[in-house]
């Protein structure tokens, strides 16, 4: 919601059993041409 408002947002998950990034966001959103985060968050 904050990111949709053009806010710089950092999501910090502190649990030891935090889900993988592809579980939080669809892979189609992770592999778009946006940032180097697409590399680290991609499934392959």
ModelCIF file with pLDDT and N, C-alpha, C, O atoms, coordinates in Angstrom:
data_MODEL
#
_entry.id   MODEL 
#
_entity.id                         1 
_entity.type                       polymer 
_entity.pdbx_number_of_molecules   1 
#
_entity_poly.entity_id                      1 
_entity_poly.type                           'polypeptide(L)' 
_entity_poly.nstd_linkage                   no 
_entity_poly.nstd_monomer                   no 
_entity_poly.pdbx_seq_one_letter_code       
;(UNK)(UNK)(UNK)(UNK)(UNK)(UNK)(UNK)(UNK)(UNK)(UNK)(UNK)(UNK)(UNK)(UNK)(UNK)(UNK)
(UNK)(UNK)(UNK)(UNK)(UNK)(UNK)(UNK)(UNK)(UNK)(UNK)(UNK)(UNK)(UNK)(UNK)(UNK)(UNK)
(UNK)(UNK)(UNK)(UNK)(UNK)(UNK)(UNK)(UNK)(UNK)(UNK)(UNK)(UNK)
;
_entity_poly.pdbx_seq_one_letter_code_can   XXXXXXXXXXXXXXXXXXXXXXXXXXXXXXXXXXXXXXXXXXXX 
_entity_poly.pdbx_strand_id                 A 
#
loop_
_entity_poly_seq.entity_id 
_entity_poly_seq.num 
_entity_poly_seq.mon_id 
_entity_poly_seq.hetero 
1 1  UNK n 
1 2  UNK n 
1 3  UNK n 
1 4  UNK n 
1 5  UNK n 
1 6  UNK n 
1 7  UNK n 
1 8  UNK n 
1 9  UNK n 
1 10 UNK n 
1 11 UNK n 
1 12 UNK n 
1 13 UNK n 
1 14 UNK n 
1 15 UNK n 
1 16 UNK n 
1 17 UNK n 
1 18 UNK n 
1 19 UNK n 
1 20 UNK n 
1 21 UNK n 
1 22 UNK n 
1 23 UNK n 
1 24 UNK n 
1 25 UNK n 
1 26 UNK n 
1 27 UNK n 
1 28 UNK n 
1 29 UNK n 
1 30 UNK n 
1 31 UNK n 
1 32 UNK n 
1 33 UNK n 
1 34 UNK n 
1 35 UNK n 
1 36 UNK n 
1 37 UNK n 
1 38 UNK n 
1 39 UNK n 
1 40 UNK n 
1 41 UNK n 
1 42 UNK n 
1 43 UNK n 
1 44 UNK n 
#
_struct_asym.id          A 
_struct_asym.entity_id   1 
#
loop_
_ma_qa_metric.id 
_ma_qa_metric.mode 
_ma_qa_metric.name 
_ma_qa_metric.software_group_id 
_ma_qa_metric.type 
1 global pLDDT . pLDDT 
2 local  pLDDT . pLDDT 
#
_ma_qa_metric_global.metric_id      1 
_ma_qa_metric_global.metric_value   66.93 
_ma_qa_metric_global.model_id       1 
_ma_qa_metric_global.ordinal_id     1 
#
loop_
_ma_qa_metric_local.label_asym_id 
_ma_qa_metric_local.label_comp_id 
_ma_qa_metric_local.label_seq_id 
_ma_qa_metric_local.metric_id 
_ma_qa_metric_local.metric_value 
_ma_qa_metric_local.model_id 
_ma_qa_metric_local.ordinal_id 
A UNK 1  2 81.00 1 1  
A UNK 2  2 82.00 1 2  
A UNK 3  2 79.00 1 3  
A UNK 4  2 79.00 1 4  
A UNK 5  2 79.00 1 5  
A UNK 6  2 77.00 1 6  
A UNK 7  2 80.00 1 7  
A UNK 8  2 80.00 1 8  
A UNK 9  2 81.00 1 9  
A UNK 10 2 81.00 1 10 
A UNK 11 2 80.00 1 11 
A UNK 12 2 80.00 1 12 
A UNK 13 2 79.00 1 13 
A UNK 14 2 76.00 1 14 
A UNK 15 2 72.00 1 15 
A UNK 16 2 67.00 1 16 
A UNK 17 2 70.00 1 17 
A UNK 18 2 68.00 1 18 
A UNK 19 2 70.00 1 19 
A UNK 20 2 67.00 1 20 
A UNK 21 2 65.00 1 21 
A UNK 22 2 63.00 1 22 
A UNK 23 2 69.00 1 23 
A UNK 24 2 69.00 1 24 
A UNK 25 2 67.00 1 25 
A UNK 26 2 61.00 1 26 
A UNK 27 2 57.00 1 27 
A UNK 28 2 57.00 1 28 
A UNK 29 2 56.00 1 29 
A UNK 30 2 50.00 1 30 
A UNK 31 2 46.00 1 31 
A UNK 32 2 47.00 1 32 
A UNK 33 2 48.00 1 33 
A UNK 34 2 48.00 1 34 
A UNK 35 2 54.00 1 35 
A UNK 36 2 56.00 1 36 
A UNK 37 2 59.00 1 37 
A UNK 38 2 60.00 1 38 
A UNK 39 2 62.00 1 39 
A UNK 40 2 61.00 1 40 
A UNK 41 2 62.00 1 41 
A UNK 42 2 66.00 1 42 
A UNK 43 2 66.00 1 43 
A UNK 44 2 68.00 1 44 
#
loop_
_atom_site.group_PDB 
_atom_site.id 
_atom_site.type_symbol 
_atom_site.label_atom_id 
_atom_site.label_alt_id 
_atom_site.label_comp_id 
_atom_site.label_asym_id 
_atom_site.label_entity_id 
_atom_site.label_seq_id 
_atom_site.pdbx_PDB_ins_code 
_atom_site.Cartn_x 
_atom_site.Cartn_y 
_atom_site.Cartn_z 
_atom_site.occupancy 
_atom_site.B_iso_or_equiv 
_atom_site.pdbx_formal_charge 
_atom_site.auth_seq_id 
_atom_site.auth_comp_id 
_atom_site.auth_asym_id 
_atom_site.auth_atom_id 
_atom_site.pdbx_PDB_model_num 
ATOM 1   N N  . UNK A 1 1  ? 0.829  -1.204  0.000   1.00 81.00 ? 1  UNK A N  1 
ATOM 2   C CA . UNK A 1 1  ? 0.000  0.000   0.000   1.00 81.00 ? 1  UNK A CA 1 
ATOM 3   C C  . UNK A 1 1  ? 0.865  1.256   0.000   1.00 81.00 ? 1  UNK A C  1 
ATOM 4   O O  . UNK A 1 1  ? 0.587  2.205   -0.734  1.00 81.00 ? 1  UNK A O  1 
ATOM 5   N N  . UNK A 1 2  ? 1.912  1.263   0.822   1.00 82.00 ? 2  UNK A N  1 
ATOM 6   C CA . UNK A 1 2  ? 2.804  2.422   0.870   1.00 82.00 ? 2  UNK A CA 1 
ATOM 7   C C  . UNK A 1 2  ? 3.603  2.552   -0.437  1.00 82.00 ? 2  UNK A C  1 
ATOM 8   O O  . UNK A 1 2  ? 3.842  3.663   -0.911  1.00 82.00 ? 2  UNK A O  1 
ATOM 9   N N  . UNK A 1 3  ? 4.006  1.431   -1.006  1.00 79.00 ? 3  UNK A N  1 
ATOM 10  C CA . UNK A 1 3  ? 4.742  1.482   -2.274  1.00 79.00 ? 3  UNK A CA 1 
ATOM 11  C C  . UNK A 1 3  ? 3.871  2.031   -3.394  1.00 79.00 ? 3  UNK A C  1 
ATOM 12  O O  . UNK A 1 3  ? 4.357  2.742   -4.274  1.00 79.00 ? 3  UNK A O  1 
ATOM 13  N N  . UNK A 1 4  ? 2.562  1.696   -3.358  1.00 79.00 ? 4  UNK A N  1 
ATOM 14  C CA . UNK A 1 4  ? 1.653  2.247   -4.361  1.00 79.00 ? 4  UNK A CA 1 
ATOM 15  C C  . UNK A 1 4  ? 1.488  3.751   -4.228  1.00 79.00 ? 4  UNK A C  1 
ATOM 16  O O  . UNK A 1 4  ? 1.089  4.421   -5.180  1.00 79.00 ? 4  UNK A O  1 
ATOM 17  N N  . UNK A 1 5  ? 1.790  4.282   -3.056  1.00 79.00 ? 5  UNK A N  1 
ATOM 18  C CA . UNK A 1 5  ? 1.724  5.726   -2.811  1.00 79.00 ? 5  UNK A CA 1 
ATOM 19  C C  . UNK A 1 5  ? 3.064  6.413   -3.127  1.00 79.00 ? 5  UNK A C  1 
ATOM 20  O O  . UNK A 1 5  ? 3.303  7.547   -2.712  1.00 79.00 ? 5  UNK A O  1 
ATOM 21  N N  . UNK A 1 6  ? 3.940  5.698   -3.877  1.00 77.00 ? 6  UNK A N  1 
ATOM 22  C CA . UNK A 1 6  ? 5.246  6.235   -4.274  1.00 77.00 ? 6  UNK A CA 1 
ATOM 23  C C  . UNK A 1 6  ? 6.144  6.505   -3.080  1.00 77.00 ? 6  UNK A C  1 
ATOM 24  O O  . UNK A 1 6  ? 6.929  7.453   -3.081  1.00 77.00 ? 6  UNK A O  1 
ATOM 25  N N  . UNK A 1 7  ? 6.020  5.662   -2.061  1.00 80.00 ? 7  UNK A N  1 
ATOM 26  C CA . UNK A 1 7  ? 6.859  5.785   -0.881  1.00 80.00 ? 7  UNK A CA 1 
ATOM 27  C C  . UNK A 1 7  ? 8.002  4.770   -0.965  1.00 80.00 ? 7  UNK A C  1 
ATOM 28  O O  . UNK A 1 7  ? 7.797  3.636   -1.400  1.00 80.00 ? 7  UNK A O  1 
ATOM 29  N N  . UNK A 1 8  ? 9.185  5.172   -0.557  1.00 80.00 ? 8  UNK A N  1 
ATOM 30  C CA . UNK A 1 8  ? 10.303 4.230   -0.448  1.00 80.00 ? 8  UNK A CA 1 
ATOM 31  C C  . UNK A 1 8  ? 10.060 3.327   0.746   1.00 80.00 ? 8  UNK A C  1 
ATOM 32  O O  . UNK A 1 8  ? 10.106 3.780   1.890   1.00 80.00 ? 8  UNK A O  1 
ATOM 33  N N  . UNK A 1 9  ? 9.803  2.057   0.490   1.00 81.00 ? 9  UNK A N  1 
ATOM 34  C CA . UNK A 1 9  ? 9.376  1.129   1.536   1.00 81.00 ? 9  UNK A CA 1 
ATOM 35  C C  . UNK A 1 9  ? 10.338 -0.036  1.620   1.00 81.00 ? 9  UNK A C  1 
ATOM 36  O O  . UNK A 1 9  ? 10.731 -0.605  0.601   1.00 81.00 ? 9  UNK A O  1 
ATOM 37  N N  . UNK A 1 10 ? 10.718 -0.390  2.842   1.00 81.00 ? 10 UNK A N  1 
ATOM 38  C CA . UNK A 1 10 ? 11.569 -1.552  3.091   1.00 81.00 ? 10 UNK A CA 1 
ATOM 39  C C  . UNK A 1 10 ? 10.793 -2.512  3.968   1.00 81.00 ? 10 UNK A C  1 
ATOM 40  O O  . UNK A 1 10 ? 10.324 -2.136  5.043   1.00 81.00 ? 10 UNK A O  1 
ATOM 41  N N  . UNK A 1 11 ? 10.654 -3.759  3.513   1.00 80.00 ? 11 UNK A N  1 
ATOM 42  C CA . UNK A 1 11 ? 9.956  -4.791  4.276   1.00 80.00 ? 11 UNK A CA 1 
ATOM 43  C C  . UNK A 1 11 ? 10.995 -5.685  4.943   1.00 80.00 ? 11 UNK A C  1 
ATOM 44  O O  . UNK A 1 11 ? 11.752 -6.375  4.260   1.00 80.00 ? 11 UNK A O  1 
ATOM 45  N N  . UNK A 1 12 ? 11.034 -5.676  6.265   1.00 80.00 ? 12 UNK A N  1 
ATOM 46  C CA . UNK A 1 12 ? 12.017 -6.441  7.034   1.00 80.00 ? 12 UNK A CA 1 
ATOM 47  C C  . UNK A 1 12 ? 11.302 -7.543  7.783   1.00 80.00 ? 12 UNK A C  1 
ATOM 48  O O  . UNK A 1 12 ? 10.499 -7.266  8.674   1.00 80.00 ? 12 UNK A O  1 
ATOM 49  N N  . UNK A 1 13 ? 11.582 -8.801  7.435   1.00 79.00 ? 13 UNK A N  1 
ATOM 50  C CA . UNK A 1 13 ? 10.979 -9.968  8.075   1.00 79.00 ? 13 UNK A CA 1 
ATOM 51  C C  . UNK A 1 13 ? 12.003 -10.569 9.030   1.00 79.00 ? 13 UNK A C  1 
ATOM 52  O O  . UNK A 1 13 ? 13.060 -11.033 8.604   1.00 79.00 ? 13 UNK A O  1 
ATOM 53  N N  . UNK A 1 14 ? 11.690 -10.559 10.301  1.00 76.00 ? 14 UNK A N  1 
ATOM 54  C CA . UNK A 1 14 ? 12.655 -10.956 11.338  1.00 76.00 ? 14 UNK A CA 1 
ATOM 55  C C  . UNK A 1 14 ? 12.494 -12.398 11.789  1.00 76.00 ? 14 UNK A C  1 
ATOM 56  O O  . UNK A 1 14 ? 13.348 -12.897 12.522  1.00 76.00 ? 14 UNK A O  1 
ATOM 57  N N  . UNK A 1 15 ? 11.438 -13.088 11.382  1.00 72.00 ? 15 UNK A N  1 
ATOM 58  C CA . UNK A 1 15 ? 11.237 -14.465 11.814  1.00 72.00 ? 15 UNK A CA 1 
ATOM 59  C C  . UNK A 1 15 ? 12.226 -15.395 11.118  1.00 72.00 ? 15 UNK A C  1 
ATOM 60  O O  . UNK A 1 15 ? 12.634 -15.149 9.983   1.00 72.00 ? 15 UNK A O  1 
ATOM 61  N N  . UNK A 1 16 ? 12.605 -16.468 11.814  1.00 67.00 ? 16 UNK A N  1 
ATOM 62  C CA . UNK A 1 16 ? 13.501 -17.454 11.221  1.00 67.00 ? 16 UNK A CA 1 
ATOM 63  C C  . UNK A 1 16 ? 12.825 -18.215 10.091  1.00 67.00 ? 16 UNK A C  1 
ATOM 64  O O  . UNK A 1 16 ? 13.502 -18.741 9.207   1.00 67.00 ? 16 UNK A O  1 
ATOM 65  N N  . UNK A 1 17 ? 11.491 -18.280 10.110  1.00 70.00 ? 17 UNK A N  1 
ATOM 66  C CA . UNK A 1 17 ? 10.752 -19.027 9.093   1.00 70.00 ? 17 UNK A CA 1 
ATOM 67  C C  . UNK A 1 17 ? 10.057 -18.079 8.117   1.00 70.00 ? 17 UNK A C  1 
ATOM 68  O O  . UNK A 1 17 ? 8.942  -18.349 7.671   1.00 70.00 ? 17 UNK A O  1 
ATOM 69  N N  . UNK A 1 18 ? 10.719 -16.970 7.788   1.00 68.00 ? 18 UNK A N  1 
ATOM 70  C CA . UNK A 1 18 ? 10.125 -16.016 6.857   1.00 68.00 ? 18 UNK A CA 1 
ATOM 71  C C  . UNK A 1 18 ? 10.014 -16.646 5.470   1.00 68.00 ? 18 UNK A C  1 
ATOM 72  O O  . UNK A 1 18 ? 10.916 -17.373 5.052   1.00 68.00 ? 18 UNK A O  1 
ATOM 73  N N  . UNK A 1 19 ? 8.922  -16.379 4.752   1.00 70.00 ? 19 UNK A N  1 
ATOM 74  C CA . UNK A 1 19 ? 8.744  -16.977 3.412   1.00 70.00 ? 19 UNK A CA 1 
ATOM 75  C C  . UNK A 1 19 ? 9.722  -16.406 2.407   1.00 70.00 ? 19 UNK A C  1 
ATOM 76  O O  . UNK A 1 19 ? 10.278 -15.326 2.603   1.00 70.00 ? 19 UNK A O  1 
ATOM 77  N N  . UNK A 1 20 ? 9.926  -17.155 1.317   1.00 67.00 ? 20 UNK A N  1 
ATOM 78  C CA . UNK A 1 20 ? 10.790 -16.690 0.229   1.00 67.00 ? 20 UNK A CA 1 
ATOM 79  C C  . UNK A 1 20 ? 10.107 -15.550 -0.512  1.00 67.00 ? 20 UNK A C  1 
ATOM 80  O O  . UNK A 1 20 ? 8.887  -15.398 -0.456  1.00 67.00 ? 20 UNK A O  1 
ATOM 81  N N  . UNK A 1 21 ? 10.908 -14.757 -1.204  1.00 65.00 ? 21 UNK A N  1 
ATOM 82  C CA . UNK A 1 21 ? 10.364 -13.622 -1.934  1.00 65.00 ? 21 UNK A CA 1 
ATOM 83  C C  . UNK A 1 21 ? 9.319  -14.028 -2.971  1.00 65.00 ? 21 UNK A C  1 
ATOM 84  O O  . UNK A 1 21 ? 8.304  -13.341 -3.087  1.00 65.00 ? 21 UNK A O  1 
ATOM 85  N N  . UNK A 1 22 ? 9.514  -15.120 -3.739  1.00 63.00 ? 22 UNK A N  1 
ATOM 86  C CA . UNK A 1 22 ? 8.469  -15.495 -4.695  1.00 63.00 ? 22 UNK A CA 1 
ATOM 87  C C  . UNK A 1 22 ? 7.141  -15.832 -4.045  1.00 63.00 ? 22 UNK A C  1 
ATOM 88  O O  . UNK A 1 22 ? 6.110  -15.813 -4.717  1.00 63.00 ? 22 UNK A O  1 
ATOM 89  N N  . UNK A 1 23 ? 7.138  -16.151 -2.718  1.00 69.00 ? 23 UNK A N  1 
ATOM 90  C CA . UNK A 1 23 ? 5.882  -16.406 -2.020  1.00 69.00 ? 23 UNK A CA 1 
ATOM 91  C C  . UNK A 1 23 ? 5.178  -15.101 -1.645  1.00 69.00 ? 23 UNK A C  1 
ATOM 92  O O  . UNK A 1 23 ? 3.957  -15.072 -1.494  1.00 69.00 ? 23 UNK A O  1 
ATOM 93  N N  . UNK A 1 24 ? 5.939  -14.041 -1.499  1.00 69.00 ? 24 UNK A N  1 
ATOM 94  C CA . UNK A 1 24 ? 5.355  -12.753 -1.129  1.00 69.00 ? 24 UNK A CA 1 
ATOM 95  C C  . UNK A 1 24 ? 4.851  -12.023 -2.363  1.00 69.00 ? 24 UNK A C  1 
ATOM 96  O O  . UNK A 1 24 ? 3.759  -11.455 -2.367  1.00 69.00 ? 24 UNK A O  1 
ATOM 97  N N  . UNK A 1 25 ? 5.677  -12.049 -3.421  1.00 67.00 ? 25 UNK A N  1 
ATOM 98  C CA . UNK A 1 25 ? 5.298  -11.394 -4.672  1.00 67.00 ? 25 UNK A CA 1 
ATOM 99  C C  . UNK A 1 25 ? 5.355  -12.424 -5.797  1.00 67.00 ? 25 UNK A C  1 
ATOM 100 O O  . UNK A 1 25 ? 6.232  -13.288 -5.787  1.00 67.00 ? 25 UNK A O  1 
ATOM 101 N N  . UNK A 1 26 ? 4.458  -12.353 -6.751  1.00 61.00 ? 26 UNK A N  1 
ATOM 102 C CA . UNK A 1 26 ? 4.500  -13.286 -7.889  1.00 61.00 ? 26 UNK A CA 1 
ATOM 103 C C  . UNK A 1 26 ? 5.815  -13.143 -8.651  1.00 61.00 ? 26 UNK A C  1 
ATOM 104 O O  . UNK A 1 26 ? 6.377  -12.050 -8.721  1.00 61.00 ? 26 UNK A O  1 
ATOM 105 N N  . UNK A 1 27 ? 6.307  -14.245 -9.224  1.00 57.00 ? 27 UNK A N  1 
ATOM 106 C CA . UNK A 1 27 ? 7.556  -14.152 -10.000 1.00 57.00 ? 27 UNK A CA 1 
ATOM 107 C C  . UNK A 1 27 ? 7.477  -13.155 -11.141 1.00 57.00 ? 27 UNK A C  1 
ATOM 108 O O  . UNK A 1 27 ? 8.485  -12.556 -11.515 1.00 57.00 ? 27 UNK A O  1 
ATOM 109 N N  . UNK A 1 28 ? 6.284  -12.973 -11.697 1.00 57.00 ? 28 UNK A N  1 
ATOM 110 C CA . UNK A 1 28 ? 6.150  -12.010 -12.788 1.00 57.00 ? 28 UNK A CA 1 
ATOM 111 C C  . UNK A 1 28 ? 6.464  -10.597 -12.334 1.00 57.00 ? 28 UNK A C  1 
ATOM 112 O O  . UNK A 1 28 ? 6.930  -9.780  -13.129 1.00 57.00 ? 28 UNK A O  1 
ATOM 113 N N  . UNK A 1 29 ? 6.213  -10.298 -11.060 1.00 56.00 ? 29 UNK A N  1 
ATOM 114 C CA . UNK A 1 29 ? 6.533  -8.980  -10.546 1.00 56.00 ? 29 UNK A CA 1 
ATOM 115 C C  . UNK A 1 29 ? 7.991  -8.863  -10.146 1.00 56.00 ? 29 UNK A C  1 
ATOM 116 O O  . UNK A 1 29 ? 8.545  -7.764  -10.102 1.00 56.00 ? 29 UNK A O  1 
ATOM 117 N N  . UNK A 1 30 ? 8.620  -10.012 -9.850  1.00 50.00 ? 30 UNK A N  1 
ATOM 118 C CA . UNK A 1 30 ? 10.017 -9.968  -9.426  1.00 50.00 ? 30 UNK A CA 1 
ATOM 119 C C  . UNK A 1 30 ? 10.965 -9.872  -10.611 1.00 50.00 ? 30 UNK A C  1 
ATOM 120 O O  . UNK A 1 30 ? 12.044 -9.298  -10.469 1.00 50.00 ? 30 UNK A O  1 
ATOM 121 N N  . UNK A 1 31 ? 10.617 -10.401 -11.756 1.00 46.00 ? 31 UNK A N  1 
ATOM 122 C CA . UNK A 1 31 ? 11.515 -10.473 -12.895 1.00 46.00 ? 31 UNK A CA 1 
ATOM 123 C C  . UNK A 1 31 ? 11.277 -9.374  -13.922 1.00 46.00 ? 31 UNK A C  1 
ATOM 124 O O  . UNK A 1 31 ? 11.665 -9.511  -15.082 1.00 46.00 ? 31 UNK A O  1 
ATOM 125 N N  . UNK A 1 32 ? 10.651 -8.301  -13.507 1.00 47.00 ? 32 UNK A N  1 
ATOM 126 C CA . UNK A 1 32 ? 10.484 -7.170  -14.404 1.00 47.00 ? 32 UNK A CA 1 
ATOM 127 C C  . UNK A 1 32 ? 11.735 -6.308  -14.353 1.00 47.00 ? 32 UNK A C  1 
ATOM 128 O O  . UNK A 1 32 ? 12.580 -6.466  -13.472 1.00 47.00 ? 32 UNK A O  1 
ATOM 129 N N  . UNK A 1 33 ? 11.842 -5.390  -15.316 1.00 48.00 ? 33 UNK A N  1 
ATOM 130 C CA . UNK A 1 33 ? 13.050 -4.571  -15.434 1.00 48.00 ? 33 UNK A CA 1 
ATOM 131 C C  . UNK A 1 33 ? 12.986 -3.403  -14.466 1.00 48.00 ? 33 UNK A C  1 
ATOM 132 O O  . UNK A 1 33 ? 12.711 -2.273  -14.870 1.00 48.00 ? 33 UNK A O  1 
ATOM 133 N N  . UNK A 1 34 ? 13.237 -3.670  -13.188 1.00 48.00 ? 34 UNK A N  1 
ATOM 134 C CA . UNK A 1 34 ? 13.130 -2.607  -12.199 1.00 48.00 ? 34 UNK A CA 1 
ATOM 135 C C  . UNK A 1 34 ? 14.437 -2.381  -11.454 1.00 48.00 ? 34 UNK A C  1 
ATOM 136 O O  . UNK A 1 34 ? 14.926 -1.253  -11.398 1.00 48.00 ? 34 UNK A O  1 
ATOM 137 N N  . UNK A 1 35 ? 15.008 -3.430  -10.882 1.00 54.00 ? 35 UNK A N  1 
ATOM 138 C CA . UNK A 1 35 ? 16.190 -3.233  -10.052 1.00 54.00 ? 35 UNK A CA 1 
ATOM 139 C C  . UNK A 1 35 ? 16.970 -4.531  -9.969  1.00 54.00 ? 35 UNK A C  1 
ATOM 140 O O  . UNK A 1 35 ? 16.560 -5.564  -10.499 1.00 54.00 ? 35 UNK A O  1 
ATOM 141 N N  . UNK A 1 36 ? 18.118 -4.449  -9.283  1.00 56.00 ? 36 UNK A N  1 
ATOM 142 C CA . UNK A 1 36 ? 18.924 -5.644  -9.065  1.00 56.00 ? 36 UNK A CA 1 
ATOM 143 C C  . UNK A 1 36 ? 18.240 -6.619  -8.118  1.00 56.00 ? 36 UNK A C  1 
ATOM 144 O O  . UNK A 1 36 ? 18.630 -7.783  -8.032  1.00 56.00 ? 36 UNK A O  1 
ATOM 145 N N  . UNK A 1 37 ? 17.205 -6.140  -7.397  1.00 59.00 ? 37 UNK A N  1 
ATOM 146 C CA . UNK A 1 37 ? 16.441 -7.052  -6.548  1.00 59.00 ? 37 UNK A CA 1 
ATOM 147 C C  . UNK A 1 37 ? 15.795 -8.156  -7.344  1.00 59.00 ? 37 UNK A C  1 
ATOM 148 O O  . UNK A 1 37 ? 15.530 -9.232  -6.809  1.00 59.00 ? 37 UNK A O  1 
ATOM 149 N N  . UNK A 1 38 ? 15.536 -7.909  -8.618  1.00 60.00 ? 38 UNK A N  1 
ATOM 150 C CA . UNK A 1 38 ? 14.959 -8.946  -9.472  1.00 60.00 ? 38 UNK A CA 1 
ATOM 151 C C  . UNK A 1 38 ? 15.896 -10.139 -9.604  1.00 60.00 ? 38 UNK A C  1 
ATOM 152 O O  . UNK A 1 38 ? 15.444 -11.271 -9.778  1.00 60.00 ? 38 UNK A O  1 
ATOM 153 N N  . UNK A 1 39 ? 17.204 -9.888  -9.522  1.00 62.00 ? 39 UNK A N  1 
ATOM 154 C CA . UNK A 1 39 ? 18.179 -10.975 -9.628  1.00 62.00 ? 39 UNK A CA 1 
ATOM 155 C C  . UNK A 1 39 ? 18.158 -11.828 -8.365  1.00 62.00 ? 39 UNK A C  1 
ATOM 156 O O  . UNK A 1 39 ? 18.109 -13.056 -8.432  1.00 62.00 ? 39 UNK A O  1 
ATOM 157 N N  . UNK A 1 40 ? 18.196 -11.151 -7.196  1.00 61.00 ? 40 UNK A N  1 
ATOM 158 C CA . UNK A 1 40 ? 18.303 -11.884 -5.935  1.00 61.00 ? 40 UNK A CA 1 
ATOM 159 C C  . UNK A 1 40 ? 16.988 -12.564 -5.555  1.00 61.00 ? 40 UNK A C  1 
ATOM 160 O O  . UNK A 1 40 ? 16.993 -13.547 -4.813  1.00 61.00 ? 40 UNK A O  1 
ATOM 161 N N  . UNK A 1 41 ? 15.870 -12.053 -6.053  1.00 62.00 ? 41 UNK A N  1 
ATOM 162 C CA . UNK A 1 41 ? 14.583 -12.590 -5.648  1.00 62.00 ? 41 UNK A CA 1 
ATOM 163 C C  . UNK A 1 41 ? 14.037 -13.620 -6.627  1.00 62.00 ? 41 UNK A C  1 
ATOM 164 O O  . UNK A 1 41 ? 13.047 -14.283 -6.316  1.00 62.00 ? 41 UNK A O  1 
ATOM 165 N N  . UNK A 1 42 ? 14.639 -13.775 -7.783  1.00 66.00 ? 42 UNK A N  1 
ATOM 166 C CA . UNK A 1 42 ? 14.125 -14.703 -8.780  1.00 66.00 ? 42 UNK A CA 1 
ATOM 167 C C  . UNK A 1 42 ? 14.290 -16.145 -8.307  1.00 66.00 ? 42 UNK A C  1 
ATOM 168 O O  . UNK A 1 42 ? 15.229 -16.473 -7.582  1.00 66.00 ? 42 UNK A O  1 
ATOM 169 N N  . UNK A 1 43 ? 13.350 -17.006 -8.734  1.00 66.00 ? 43 UNK A N  1 
ATOM 170 C CA . UNK A 1 43 ? 13.431 -18.420 -8.345  1.00 66.00 ? 43 UNK A CA 1 
ATOM 171 C C  . UNK A 1 43 ? 14.623 -19.111 -8.992  1.00 66.00 ? 43 UNK A C  1 
ATOM 172 O O  . UNK A 1 43 ? 15.256 -19.966 -8.372  1.00 66.00 ? 43 UNK A O  1 
ATOM 173 N N  . UNK A 1 44 ? 14.936 -18.745 -10.241 1.00 68.00 ? 44 UNK A N  1 
ATOM 174 C CA . UNK A 1 44 ? 16.060 -19.345 -10.954 1.00 68.00 ? 44 UNK A CA 1 
ATOM 175 C C  . UNK A 1 44 ? 16.923 -18.210 -11.504 1.00 68.00 ? 44 UNK A C  1 
ATOM 176 O O  . UNK A 1 44 ? 17.940 -18.463 -12.149 1.00 68.00 ? 44 UNK A O  1 
#
